[in-house]
Amino acid sequence: MSLKIKNDLGTISINSGVVARIVGLAAMECYGVVGMASKSAKDGIVQLLRIENFTKGLKLTVDNNRLNISLHIIAEYGTNITAICESLISAVKYRVEDTCGVEVGDINIFVEGLRINNV
């Protein structure tokens, strides 16, 4: 799948892998986000993804020329999840619209787990 932007000069095609990488990097920069999560459909186990695989923790769909994004994250224990999600939505929307020039529709965030640091 690729995003297509049409203008009077022609068509710009952006690979969905590029957009997924932009979304993932923007998400990882947000305070309180430990990482992206991959959920195994077979047994329901959630895994923290390494940076090279974090695009597996998100899903991109295009509907009426708007990009819809679903993110599966693991949050830091003790942080306000609502604040994390609001920051994440704002950062991802800004980064995608600024970088790709694509209008962002819905951003759905699924908090799959919490990481607890033992001090």
PDB file of N, CA and C in Angstrom:
ATOM      1  N   MET A   1       0.848  -1.176   0.000  1.00  0.00           N
ATOM      2  CA  MET A   1       0.000   0.000   0.000  1.00  0.00           C
ATOM      3  C   MET A   1       0.892   1.236   0.000  1.00  0.00           C
ATOM      4  N   SER A   2       0.483   2.227  -0.712  1.00  0.00           N
ATOM      5  CA  SER A   2       1.201   3.498  -0.712  1.00  0.00           C
ATOM      6  C   SER A   2       0.192   4.637  -0.704  1.00  0.00           C
ATOM      7  N   LEU A   3       0.619   5.756  -0.159  1.00  0.00           N
ATOM      8  CA  LEU A   3      -0.215   6.949  -0.142  1.00  0.00           C
ATOM      9  C   LEU A   3       0.027   7.711  -1.430  1.00  0.00           C
ATOM     10  N   LYS A   4      -1.026   8.176  -2.040  1.00  0.00           N
ATOM     11  CA  LYS A   4      -0.906   8.925  -3.283  1.00  0.00           C
ATOM     12  C   LYS A   4      -1.468  10.327  -3.074  1.00  0.00           C
ATOM     13  N   ILE A   5      -0.662  11.307  -3.433  1.00  0.00           N
ATOM     14  CA  ILE A   5      -1.055  12.704  -3.347  1.00  0.00           C
ATOM     15  C   ILE A   5      -1.038  13.253  -4.772  1.00  0.00           C
ATOM     16  N   LYS A   6      -2.174  13.752  -5.216  1.00  0.00           N
ATOM     17  CA  LYS A   6      -2.263  14.292  -6.572  1.00  0.00           C
ATOM     18  C   LYS A   6      -2.290  15.810  -6.525  1.00  0.00           C
ATOM     19  N   ASN A   7      -1.555  16.415  -7.451  1.00  0.00           N
ATOM     20  CA  ASN A   7      -1.597  17.863  -7.619  1.00  0.00           C
ATOM     21  C   ASN A   7      -1.567  18.172  -9.106  1.00  0.00           C
ATOM     22  N   ASP A   8      -1.488  19.426  -9.460  1.00  0.00           N
ATOM     23  CA  ASP A   8      -1.550  19.806 -10.878  1.00  0.00           C
ATOM     24  C   ASP A   8      -0.309  19.391 -11.672  1.00  0.00           C
ATOM     25  N   LEU A   9       0.775  19.052 -10.989  1.00  0.00           N
ATOM     26  CA  LEU A   9       1.994  18.631 -11.673  1.00  0.00           C
ATOM     27  C   LEU A   9       2.101  17.119 -11.847  1.00  0.00           C
ATOM     28  N   GLY A  10       1.312  16.363 -11.087  1.00  0.00           N
ATOM     29  CA  GLY A  10       1.381  14.901 -11.167  1.00  0.00           C
ATOM     30  C   GLY A  10       0.987  14.244  -9.869  1.00  0.00           C
ATOM     31  N   THR A  11       1.496  13.043  -9.651  1.00  0.00           N
ATOM     32  CA  THR A  11       1.157  12.253  -8.472  1.00  0.00           C
ATOM     33  C   THR A  11       2.414  11.929  -7.675  1.00  0.00           C
ATOM     34  N   ILE A  12       2.303  12.067  -6.367  1.00  0.00           N
ATOM     35  CA  ILE A  12       3.387  11.707  -5.459  1.00  0.00           C
ATOM     36  C   ILE A  12       2.940  10.439  -4.735  1.00  0.00           C
ATOM     37  N   SER A  13       3.779   9.428  -4.753  1.00  0.00           N
ATOM     38  CA  SER A  13       3.466   8.162  -4.091  1.00  0.00           C
ATOM     39  C   SER A  13       4.455   7.950  -2.955  1.00  0.00           C
ATOM     40  N   ILE A  14       3.929   7.749  -1.736  1.00  0.00           N
ATOM     41  CA  ILE A  14       4.772   7.532  -0.551  1.00  0.00           C
ATOM     42  C   ILE A  14       4.485   6.129  -0.032  1.00  0.00           C
ATOM     43  N   ASN A  15       5.515   5.310   0.059  1.00  0.00           N
ATOM     44  CA  ASN A  15       5.387   3.952   0.541  1.00  0.00           C
ATOM     45  C   ASN A  15       4.895   3.943   1.983  1.00  0.00           C
ATOM     46  N   SER A  16       4.011   3.007   2.316  1.00  0.00           N
ATOM     47  CA  SER A  16       3.459   2.945   3.666  1.00  0.00           C
ATOM     48  C   SER A  16       4.524   2.623   4.707  1.00  0.00           C
ATOM     49  N   GLY A  17       5.602   1.948   4.305  1.00  0.00           N
ATOM     50  CA  GLY A  17       6.698   1.673   5.229  1.00  0.00           C
ATOM     51  C   GLY A  17       7.389   2.940   5.692  1.00  0.00           C
ATOM     52  N   VAL A  18       7.487   3.904   4.798  1.00  0.00           N
ATOM     53  CA  VAL A  18       8.096   5.194   5.145  1.00  0.00           C
ATOM     54  C   VAL A  18       7.212   5.934   6.141  1.00  0.00           C
ATOM     55  N   VAL A  19       5.914   5.947   5.877  1.00  0.00           N
ATOM     56  CA  VAL A  19       4.983   6.618   6.787  1.00  0.00           C
ATOM     57  C   VAL A  19       4.972   5.915   8.140  1.00  0.00           C
ATOM     58  N   ALA A  20       5.008   4.583   8.137  1.00  0.00           N
ATOM     59  CA  ALA A  20       5.025   3.820   9.393  1.00  0.00           C
ATOM     60  C   ALA A  20       6.270   4.152  10.206  1.00  0.00           C
ATOM     61  N   ARG A  21       7.396   4.318   9.549  1.00  0.00           N
ATOM     62  CA  ARG A  21       8.630   4.670  10.250  1.00  0.00           C
ATOM     63  C   ARG A  21       8.520   6.065  10.865  1.00  0.00           C
ATOM     64  N   ILE A  22       7.936   7.001  10.137  1.00  0.00           N
ATOM     65  CA  ILE A  22       7.740   8.361  10.654  1.00  0.00           C
ATOM     66  C   ILE A  22       6.833   8.330  11.883  1.00  0.00           C
ATOM     67  N   VAL A  23       5.742   7.580  11.803  1.00  0.00           N
ATOM     68  CA  VAL A  23       4.809   7.453  12.928  1.00  0.00           C
ATOM     69  C   VAL A  23       5.506   6.821  14.120  1.00  0.00           C
ATOM     70  N   GLY A  24       6.226   5.747  13.890  1.00  0.00           N
ATOM     71  CA  GLY A  24       6.916   5.051  14.980  1.00  0.00           C
ATOM     72  C   GLY A  24       7.960   5.911  15.669  1.00  0.00           C
ATOM     73  N   LEU A  25       8.742   6.646  14.883  1.00  0.00           N
ATOM     74  CA  LEU A  25       9.752   7.516  15.480  1.00  0.00           C
ATOM     75  C   LEU A  25       9.121   8.648  16.286  1.00  0.00           C
ATOM     76  N   ALA A  26       8.030   9.213  15.776  1.00  0.00           N
ATOM     77  CA  ALA A  26       7.326  10.270  16.511  1.00  0.00           C
ATOM     78  C   ALA A  26       6.761   9.721  17.817  1.00  0.00           C
ATOM     79  N   ALA A  27       6.241   8.502  17.775  1.00  0.00           N
ATOM     80  CA  ALA A  27       5.668   7.889  18.984  1.00  0.00           C
ATOM     81  C   ALA A  27       6.746   7.623  20.029  1.00  0.00           C
ATOM     82  N   MET A  28       7.908   7.158  19.587  1.00  0.00           N
ATOM     83  CA  MET A  28       8.972   6.822  20.532  1.00  0.00           C
ATOM     84  C   MET A  28       9.567   8.051  21.213  1.00  0.00           C
ATOM     85  N   GLU A  29       9.389   9.232  20.624  1.00  0.00           N
ATOM     86  CA  GLU A  29       9.904  10.462  21.220  1.00  0.00           C
ATOM     87  C   GLU A  29       9.002  11.009  22.317  1.00  0.00           C
ATOM     88  N   CYS A  30       7.788  10.484  22.442  1.00  0.00           N
ATOM     89  CA  CYS A  30       6.828  11.005  23.423  1.00  0.00           C
ATOM     90  C   CYS A  30       7.160  10.503  24.823  1.00  0.00           C
ATOM     91  N   TYR A  31       7.026  11.403  25.783  1.00  0.00           N
ATOM     92  CA  TYR A  31       7.276  11.066  27.184  1.00  0.00           C
ATOM     93  C   TYR A  31       6.284  10.001  27.651  1.00  0.00           C
ATOM     94  N   GLY A  32       6.782   8.994  28.337  1.00  0.00           N
ATOM     95  CA  GLY A  32       5.932   7.958  28.898  1.00  0.00           C
ATOM     96  C   GLY A  32       5.747   6.751  28.003  1.00  0.00           C
ATOM     97  N   VAL A  33       6.155   6.844  26.745  1.00  0.00           N
ATOM     98  CA  VAL A  33       6.052   5.704  25.838  1.00  0.00           C
ATOM     99  C   VAL A  33       7.365   4.923  25.933  1.00  0.00           C
ATOM    100  N   VAL A  34       7.265   3.681  26.397  1.00  0.00           N
ATOM    101  CA  VAL A  34       8.441   2.825  26.527  1.00  0.00           C
ATOM    102  C   VAL A  34       8.791   2.211  25.184  1.00  0.00           C
ATOM    103  N   GLY A  35       7.763   1.825  24.437  1.00  0.00           N
ATOM    104  CA  GLY A  35       8.009   1.212  23.139  1.00  0.00           C
ATOM    105  C   GLY A  35       6.719   0.802  22.471  1.00  0.00           C
ATOM    106  N   MET A  36       6.863   0.253  21.288  1.00  0.00           N
ATOM    107  CA  MET A  36       5.725  -0.259  20.541  1.00  0.00           C
ATOM    108  C   MET A  36       5.524  -1.715  20.933  1.00  0.00           C
ATOM    109  N   ALA A  37       4.279  -2.161  20.864  1.00  0.00           N
ATOM    110  CA  ALA A  37       3.948  -3.519  21.279  1.00  0.00           C
ATOM    111  C   ALA A  37       3.440  -4.318  20.098  1.00  0.00           C
ATOM    112  N   SER A  38       3.814  -5.580  20.081  1.00  0.00           N
ATOM    113  CA  SER A  38       3.295  -6.514  19.100  1.00  0.00           C
ATOM    114  C   SER A  38       2.517  -7.568  19.857  1.00  0.00           C
ATOM    115  N   LYS A  39       1.294  -7.774  19.450  1.00  0.00           N
ATOM    116  CA  LYS A  39       0.444  -8.726  20.141  1.00  0.00           C
ATOM    117  C   LYS A  39       0.301  -9.966  19.277  1.00  0.00           C
ATOM    118  N   SER A  40       0.658 -11.084  19.833  1.00  0.00           N
ATOM    119  CA  SER A  40       0.526 -12.338  19.108  1.00  0.00           C
ATOM    120  C   SER A  40      -0.935 -12.759  19.119  1.00  0.00           C
ATOM    121  N   ALA A  41      -1.502 -12.902  17.934  1.00  0.00           N
ATOM    122  CA  ALA A  41      -2.914 -13.275  17.831  1.00  0.00           C
ATOM    123  C   ALA A  41      -3.148 -14.690  18.336  1.00  0.00           C
ATOM    124  N   LYS A  42      -2.119 -15.502  18.283  1.00  0.00           N
ATOM    125  CA  LYS A  42      -2.269 -16.898  18.661  1.00  0.00           C
ATOM    126  C   LYS A  42      -2.483 -17.080  20.159  1.00  0.00           C
ATOM    127  N   ASP A  43      -1.641 -16.450  20.969  1.00  0.00           N
ATOM    128  CA  ASP A  43      -1.741 -16.665  22.410  1.00  0.00           C
ATOM    129  C   ASP A  43      -1.988 -15.407  23.228  1.00  0.00           C
ATOM    130  N   GLY A  44      -2.099 -14.242  22.599  1.00  0.00           N
ATOM    131  CA  GLY A  44      -2.416 -13.006  23.311  1.00  0.00           C
ATOM    132  C   GLY A  44      -1.260 -12.422  24.099  1.00  0.00           C
ATOM    133  N   ILE A  45      -0.043 -12.907  23.866  1.00  0.00           N
ATOM    134  CA  ILE A  45       1.121 -12.394  24.580  1.00  0.00           C
ATOM    135  C   ILE A  45       1.602 -11.111  23.913  1.00  0.00           C
ATOM    136  N   VAL A  46       1.900 -10.105  24.735  1.00  0.00           N
ATOM    137  CA  VAL A  46       2.370  -8.811  24.224  1.00  0.00           C
ATOM    138  C   VAL A  46       3.880  -8.771  24.333  1.00  0.00           C
ATOM    139  N   GLN A  47       4.542  -8.323  23.245  1.00  0.00           N
ATOM    140  CA  GLN A  47       5.991  -8.204  23.236  1.00  0.00           C
ATOM    141  C   GLN A  47       6.393  -6.756  23.002  1.00  0.00           C
ATOM    142  N   LEU A  48       7.442  -6.339  23.687  1.00  0.00           N
ATOM    143  CA  LEU A  48       8.040  -5.032  23.436  1.00  0.00           C
ATOM    144  C   LEU A  48       8.946  -5.167  22.217  1.00  0.00           C
ATOM    145  N   LEU A  49       8.682  -4.355  21.197  1.00  0.00           N
ATOM    146  CA  LEU A  49       9.430  -4.458  19.951  1.00  0.00           C
ATOM    147  C   LEU A  49      10.713  -3.647  19.999  1.00  0.00           C
ATOM    148  N   ARG A  50      11.749  -4.147  19.372  1.00  0.00           N
ATOM    149  CA  ARG A  50      12.996  -3.397  19.237  1.00  0.00           C
ATOM    150  C   ARG A  50      12.794  -2.298  18.204  1.00  0.00           C
ATOM    151  N   ILE A  51      13.690  -1.366  18.155  1.00  0.00           N
ATOM    152  CA  ILE A  51      13.533  -0.205  17.277  1.00  0.00           C
ATOM    153  C   ILE A  51      13.469  -0.593  15.805  1.00  0.00           C
ATOM    154  N   GLU A  52      14.124  -1.695  15.420  1.00  0.00           N
ATOM    155  CA  GLU A  52      14.060  -2.057  14.013  1.00  0.00           C
ATOM    156  C   GLU A  52      12.722  -2.675  13.621  1.00  0.00           C
ATOM    157  N   ASN A  53      11.928  -3.107  14.587  1.00  0.00           N
ATOM    158  CA  ASN A  53      10.643  -3.763  14.302  1.00  0.00           C
ATOM    159  C   ASN A  53       9.430  -3.002  14.807  1.00  0.00           C
ATOM    160  N   PHE A  54       9.594  -1.774  15.287  1.00  0.00           N
ATOM    161  CA  PHE A  54       8.459  -1.105  15.923  1.00  0.00           C
ATOM    162  C   PHE A  54       7.326  -0.779  14.965  1.00  0.00           C
ATOM    163  N   THR A  55       7.561  -0.843  13.662  1.00  0.00           N
ATOM    164  CA  THR A  55       6.470  -0.593  12.719  1.00  0.00           C
ATOM    165  C   THR A  55       5.430  -1.706  12.760  1.00  0.00           C
ATOM    166  N   LYS A  56       5.770  -2.847  13.351  1.00  0.00           N
ATOM    167  CA  LYS A  56       4.792  -3.935  13.507  1.00  0.00           C
ATOM    168  C   LYS A  56       3.769  -3.610  14.589  1.00  0.00           C
ATOM    169  N   GLY A  57       4.019  -2.603  15.388  1.00  0.00           N
ATOM    170  CA  GLY A  57       3.112  -2.199  16.445  1.00  0.00           C
ATOM    171  C   GLY A  57       2.105  -1.148  16.010  1.00  0.00           C
ATOM    172  N   LEU A  58       1.998  -0.923  14.712  1.00  0.00           N
ATOM    173  CA  LEU A  58       1.021   0.057  14.232  1.00  0.00           C
ATOM    174  C   LEU A  58       0.373  -0.413  12.939  1.00  0.00           C
ATOM    175  N   LYS A  59      -0.775   0.184  12.650  1.00  0.00           N
ATOM    176  CA  LYS A  59      -1.526  -0.159  11.445  1.00  0.00           C
ATOM    177  C   LYS A  59      -1.968   1.134  10.779  1.00  0.00           C
ATOM    178  N   LEU A  60      -1.764   1.213   9.471  1.00  0.00           N
ATOM    179  CA  LEU A  60      -2.149   2.380   8.691  1.00  0.00           C
ATOM    180  C   LEU A  60      -3.232   1.998   7.701  1.00  0.00           C
ATOM    181  N   THR A  61      -4.274   2.819   7.617  1.00  0.00           N
ATOM    182  CA  THR A  61      -5.312   2.632   6.602  1.00  0.00           C
ATOM    183  C   THR A  61      -5.645   3.995   6.004  1.00  0.00           C
ATOM    184  N   VAL A  62      -6.043   3.995   4.745  1.00  0.00           N
ATOM    185  CA  VAL A  62      -6.425   5.227   4.067  1.00  0.00           C
ATOM    186  C   VAL A  62      -7.914   5.161   3.772  1.00  0.00           C
ATOM    187  N   ASP A  63      -8.634   6.210   4.168  1.00  0.00           N
ATOM    188  CA  ASP A  63     -10.076   6.289   3.957  1.00  0.00           C
ATOM    189  C   ASP A  63     -10.422   7.718   3.537  1.00  0.00           C
ATOM    190  N   ASN A  64     -10.959   7.889   2.332  1.00  0.00           N
ATOM    191  CA  ASN A  64     -11.315   9.212   1.809  1.00  0.00           C
ATOM    192  C   ASN A  64     -10.146  10.192   1.854  1.00  0.00           C
ATOM    193  N   ASN A  65      -8.980   9.736   1.386  1.00  0.00           N
ATOM    194  CA  ASN A  65      -7.762  10.542   1.345  1.00  0.00           C
ATOM    195  C   ASN A  65      -7.292  11.016   2.715  1.00  0.00           C
ATOM    196  N   ARG A  66      -7.697  10.317   3.758  1.00  0.00           N
ATOM    197  CA  ARG A  66      -7.240  10.612   5.117  1.00  0.00           C
ATOM    198  C   ARG A  66      -6.565   9.369   5.668  1.00  0.00           C
ATOM    199  N   LEU A  67      -5.475   9.567   6.362  1.00  0.00           N
ATOM    200  CA  LEU A  67      -4.711   8.471   6.937  1.00  0.00           C
ATOM    201  C   LEU A  67      -5.211   8.188   8.350  1.00  0.00           C
ATOM    202  N   ASN A  68      -5.631   6.958   8.596  1.00  0.00           N
ATOM    203  CA  ASN A  68      -6.043   6.525   9.926  1.00  0.00           C
ATOM    204  C   ASN A  68      -4.935   5.648  10.506  1.00  0.00           C
ATOM    205  N   ILE A  69      -4.603   5.904  11.772  1.00  0.00           N
ATOM    206  CA  ILE A  69      -3.470   5.243  12.407  1.00  0.00           C
ATOM    207  C   ILE A  69      -3.924   4.554  13.685  1.00  0.00           C
ATOM    208  N   SER A  70      -3.494   3.305  13.869  1.00  0.00           N
ATOM    209  CA  SER A  70      -3.704   2.573  15.117  1.00  0.00           C
ATOM    210  C   SER A  70      -2.336   2.227  15.687  1.00  0.00           C
ATOM    211  N   LEU A  71      -2.105   2.624  16.933  1.00  0.00           N
ATOM    212  CA  LEU A  71      -0.829   2.393  17.609  1.00  0.00           C
ATOM    213  C   LEU A  71      -1.024   1.472  18.802  1.00  0.00           C
ATOM    214  N   HIS A  72      -0.153   0.499  18.952  1.00  0.00           N
ATOM    215  CA  HIS A  72      -0.134  -0.379  20.118  1.00  0.00           C
ATOM    216  C   HIS A  72       1.149  -0.065  20.880  1.00  0.00           C
ATOM    217  N   ILE A  73       1.006   0.464  22.104  1.00  0.00           N
ATOM    218  CA  ILE A  73       2.177   0.929  22.849  1.00  0.00           C
ATOM    219  C   ILE A  73       2.281   0.247  24.213  1.00  0.00           C
ATOM    220  N   ILE A  74       3.452   0.369  24.786  1.00  0.00           N
ATOM    221  CA  ILE A  74       3.683   0.006  26.185  1.00  0.00           C
ATOM    222  C   ILE A  74       4.094   1.294  26.887  1.00  0.00           C
ATOM    223  N   ALA A  75       3.409   1.594  27.982  1.00  0.00           N
ATOM    224  CA  ALA A  75       3.632   2.855  28.697  1.00  0.00           C
ATOM    225  C   ALA A  75       4.455   2.621  29.961  1.00  0.00           C
ATOM    226  N   GLU A  76       5.051   3.693  30.446  1.00  0.00           N
ATOM    227  CA  GLU A  76       5.824   3.662  31.687  1.00  0.00           C
ATOM    228  C   GLU A  76       4.871   3.684  32.877  1.00  0.00           C
ATOM    229  N   TYR A  77       5.087   2.785  33.836  1.00  0.00           N
ATOM    230  CA  TYR A  77       4.246   2.732  35.022  1.00  0.00           C
ATOM    231  C   TYR A  77       4.404   4.025  35.820  1.00  0.00           C
ATOM    232  N   GLY A  78       3.289   4.555  36.307  1.00  0.00           N
ATOM    233  CA  GLY A  78       3.319   5.760  37.126  1.00  0.00           C
ATOM    234  C   GLY A  78       3.075   7.036  36.353  1.00  0.00           C
ATOM    235  N   THR A  79       2.985   6.956  35.045  1.00  0.00           N
ATOM    236  CA  THR A  79       2.702   8.142  34.246  1.00  0.00           C
ATOM    237  C   THR A  79       1.212   8.202  33.938  1.00  0.00           C
ATOM    238  N   ASN A  80       0.727   9.378  33.667  1.00  0.00           N
ATOM    239  CA  ASN A  80      -0.682   9.579  33.372  1.00  0.00           C
ATOM    240  C   ASN A  80      -0.949   9.112  31.937  1.00  0.00           C
ATOM    241  N   ILE A  81      -1.716   8.044  31.795  1.00  0.00           N
ATOM    242  CA  ILE A  81      -1.950   7.454  30.480  1.00  0.00           C
ATOM    243  C   ILE A  81      -2.717   8.412  29.574  1.00  0.00           C
ATOM    244  N   THR A  82      -3.648   9.161  30.117  1.00  0.00           N
ATOM    245  CA  THR A  82      -4.386  10.130  29.307  1.00  0.00           C
ATOM    246  C   THR A  82      -3.445  11.185  28.737  1.00  0.00           C
ATOM    247  N   ALA A  83      -2.529  11.674  29.563  1.00  0.00           N
ATOM    248  CA  ALA A  83      -1.562  12.674  29.091  1.00  0.00           C
ATOM    249  C   ALA A  83      -0.641  12.086  28.031  1.00  0.00           C
ATOM    250  N   ILE A  84      -0.229  10.854  28.214  1.00  0.00           N
ATOM    251  CA  ILE A  84       0.621  10.187  27.215  1.00  0.00           C
ATOM    252  C   ILE A  84      -0.110  10.113  25.883  1.00  0.00           C
ATOM    253  N   CYS A  85      -1.359   9.682  25.915  1.00  0.00           N
ATOM    254  CA  CYS A  85      -2.132   9.514  24.680  1.00  0.00           C
ATOM    255  C   CYS A  85      -2.387  10.846  23.986  1.00  0.00           C
ATOM    256  N   GLU A  86      -2.697  11.893  24.743  1.00  0.00           N
ATOM    257  CA  GLU A  86      -2.909  13.207  24.141  1.00  0.00           C
ATOM    258  C   GLU A  86      -1.624  13.724  23.492  1.00  0.00           C
ATOM    259  N   SER A  87      -0.503  13.548  24.169  1.00  0.00           N
ATOM    260  CA  SER A  87       0.787  13.958  23.625  1.00  0.00           C
ATOM    261  C   SER A  87       1.128  13.148  22.377  1.00  0.00           C
ATOM    262  N   LEU A  88       0.849  11.869  22.423  1.00  0.00           N
ATOM    263  CA  LEU A  88       1.124  10.980  21.297  1.00  0.00           C
ATOM    264  C   LEU A  88       0.303  11.346  20.071  1.00  0.00           C
ATOM    265  N   ILE A  89      -0.969  11.611  20.271  1.00  0.00           N
ATOM    266  CA  ILE A  89      -1.846  11.999  19.164  1.00  0.00           C
ATOM    267  C   ILE A  89      -1.352  13.297  18.531  1.00  0.00           C
ATOM    268  N   SER A  90      -1.040  14.266  19.358  1.00  0.00           N
ATOM    269  CA  SER A  90      -0.576  15.556  18.856  1.00  0.00           C
ATOM    270  C   SER A  90       0.740  15.419  18.087  1.00  0.00           C
ATOM    271  N   ALA A  91       1.696  14.688  18.646  1.00  0.00           N
ATOM    272  CA  ALA A  91       3.009  14.549  18.018  1.00  0.00           C
ATOM    273  C   ALA A  91       2.935  13.781  16.703  1.00  0.00           C
ATOM    274  N   VAL A  92       2.202  12.681  16.690  1.00  0.00           N
ATOM    275  CA  VAL A  92       2.099  11.863  15.482  1.00  0.00           C
ATOM    276  C   VAL A  92       1.367  12.624  14.383  1.00  0.00           C
ATOM    277  N   LYS A  93       0.267  13.269  14.740  1.00  0.00           N
ATOM    278  CA  LYS A  93      -0.495  14.028  13.741  1.00  0.00           C
ATOM    279  C   LYS A  93       0.359  15.135  13.131  1.00  0.00           C
ATOM    280  N   TYR A  94       1.035  15.891  13.966  1.00  0.00           N
ATOM    281  CA  TYR A  94       1.879  16.978  13.466  1.00  0.00           C
ATOM    282  C   TYR A  94       2.988  16.448  12.562  1.00  0.00           C
ATOM    283  N   ARG A  95       3.690  15.402  13.026  1.00  0.00           N
ATOM    284  CA  ARG A  95       4.837  14.889  12.280  1.00  0.00           C
ATOM    285  C   ARG A  95       4.432  14.342  10.909  1.00  0.00           C
ATOM    286  N   VAL A  96       3.328  13.592  10.854  1.00  0.00           N
ATOM    287  CA  VAL A  96       2.893  13.010   9.581  1.00  0.00           C
ATOM    288  C   VAL A  96       2.403  14.100   8.627  1.00  0.00           C
ATOM    289  N   GLU A  97       1.582  15.017   9.120  1.00  0.00           N
ATOM    290  CA  GLU A  97       1.066  16.077   8.253  1.00  0.00           C
ATOM    291  C   GLU A  97       2.179  16.998   7.777  1.00  0.00           C
ATOM    292  N   ASP A  98       3.156  17.287   8.633  1.00  0.00           N
ATOM    293  CA  ASP A  98       4.250  18.171   8.266  1.00  0.00           C
ATOM    294  C   ASP A  98       5.214  17.492   7.299  1.00  0.00           C
ATOM    295  N   THR A  99       5.544  16.252   7.548  1.00  0.00           N
ATOM    296  CA  THR A  99       6.529  15.541   6.736  1.00  0.00           C
ATOM    297  C   THR A  99       5.973  15.044   5.410  1.00  0.00           C
ATOM    298  N   CYS A 100       4.778  14.454   5.451  1.00  0.00           N
ATOM    299  CA  CYS A 100       4.225  13.802   4.252  1.00  0.00           C
ATOM    300  C   CYS A 100       3.202  14.651   3.515  1.00  0.00           C
ATOM    301  N   GLY A 101       2.617  15.632   4.171  1.00  0.00           N
ATOM    302  CA  GLY A 101       1.581  16.428   3.532  1.00  0.00           C
ATOM    303  C   GLY A 101       0.274  15.681   3.384  1.00  0.00           C
ATOM    304  N   VAL A 102       0.057  14.674   4.217  1.00  0.00           N
ATOM    305  CA  VAL A 102      -1.150  13.858   4.175  1.00  0.00           C
ATOM    306  C   VAL A 102      -2.017  14.207   5.370  1.00  0.00           C
ATOM    307  N   GLU A 103      -3.327  14.384   5.144  1.00  0.00           N
ATOM    308  CA  GLU A 103      -4.237  14.684   6.243  1.00  0.00           C
ATOM    309  C   GLU A 103      -4.441  13.435   7.101  1.00  0.00           C
ATOM    310  N   VAL A 104      -4.318  13.609   8.410  1.00  0.00           N
ATOM    311  CA  VAL A 104      -4.499  12.501   9.345  1.00  0.00           C
ATOM    312  C   VAL A 104      -5.924  12.528   9.864  1.00  0.00           C
ATOM    313  N   GLY A 105      -6.583  11.382   9.814  1.00  0.00           N
ATOM    314  CA  GLY A 105      -7.948  11.256  10.318  1.00  0.00           C
ATOM    315  C   GLY A 105      -7.928  10.801  11.766  1.00  0.00           C
ATOM    316  N   ASP A 106      -8.272   9.556  11.987  1.00  0.00           N
ATOM    317  CA  ASP A 106      -8.334   8.994  13.338  1.00  0.00           C
ATOM    318  C   ASP A 106      -6.982   8.450  13.764  1.00  0.00           C
ATOM    319  N   ILE A 107      -6.669   8.659  15.040  1.00  0.00           N
ATOM    320  CA  ILE A 107      -5.502   8.028  15.650  1.00  0.00           C
ATOM    321  C   ILE A 107      -6.016   7.261  16.856  1.00  0.00           C
ATOM    322  N   ASN A 108      -5.934   5.944  16.791  1.00  0.00           N
ATOM    323  CA  ASN A 108      -6.381   5.073  17.875  1.00  0.00           C
ATOM    324  C   ASN A 108      -5.164   4.533  18.598  1.00  0.00           C
ATOM    325  N   ILE A 109      -5.183   4.633  19.924  1.00  0.00           N
ATOM    326  CA  ILE A 109      -4.060   4.171  20.730  1.00  0.00           C
ATOM    327  C   ILE A 109      -4.528   3.057  21.645  1.00  0.00           C
ATOM    328  N   PHE A 110      -3.799   1.952  21.602  1.00  0.00           N
ATOM    329  CA  PHE A 110      -4.084   0.810  22.453  1.00  0.00           C
ATOM    330  C   PHE A 110      -2.896   0.624  23.384  1.00  0.00           C
ATOM    331  N   VAL A 111      -3.124   0.826  24.679  1.00  0.00           N
ATOM    332  CA  VAL A 111      -2.062   0.617  25.664  1.00  0.00           C
ATOM    333  C   VAL A 111      -2.101  -0.863  26.017  1.00  0.00           C
ATOM    334  N   GLU A 112      -1.091  -1.595  25.547  1.00  0.00           N
ATOM    335  CA  GLU A 112      -1.060  -3.049  25.686  1.00  0.00           C
ATOM    336  C   GLU A 112      -0.408  -3.499  26.991  1.00  0.00           C
ATOM    337  N   GLY A 113       0.320  -2.596  27.639  1.00  0.00           N
ATOM    338  CA  GLY A 113       0.968  -2.988  28.882  1.00  0.00           C
ATOM    339  C   GLY A 113       1.692  -1.824  29.517  1.00  0.00           C
ATOM    340  N   LEU A 114       2.213  -2.088  30.727  1.00  0.00           N
ATOM    341  CA  LEU A 114       2.989  -1.106  31.475  1.00  0.00           C
ATOM    342  C   LEU A 114       4.342  -1.701  31.803  1.00  0.00           C
ATOM    343  N   ARG A 115       5.378  -0.881  31.748  1.00  0.00           N
ATOM    344  CA  ARG A 115       6.699  -1.341  32.168  1.00  0.00           C
ATOM    345  C   ARG A 115       6.983  -0.756  33.525  1.00  0.00           C
ATOM    346  N   ILE A 116       7.392  -1.622  34.433  1.00  0.00           N
ATOM    347  CA  ILE A 116       7.711  -1.216  35.793  1.00  0.00           C
ATOM    348  C   ILE A 116       9.218  -1.315  35.958  1.00  0.00           C
ATOM    349  N   ASN A 117       9.841  -0.214  36.339  1.00  0.00           N
ATOM    350  CA  ASN A 117      11.282  -0.221  36.599  1.00  0.00           C
ATOM    351  C   ASN A 117      11.524  -0.552  38.057  1.00  0.00           C
ATOM    352  N   ASN A 118      12.339  -1.546  38.302  1.00  0.00           N
ATOM    353  CA  ASN A 118      12.739  -1.859  39.684  1.00  0.00           C
ATOM    354  C   ASN A 118      14.001  -1.078  40.003  1.00  0.00           C
ATOM    355  N   VAL A 119      13.904  -0.232  41.014  1.00  0.00           N
ATOM    356  CA  VAL A 119      15.043   0.607  41.365  1.00  0.00           C
ATOM    357  C   VAL A 119      15.807  -0.007  42.487  1.00  0.00           C
TER     358      VAL A 119
END
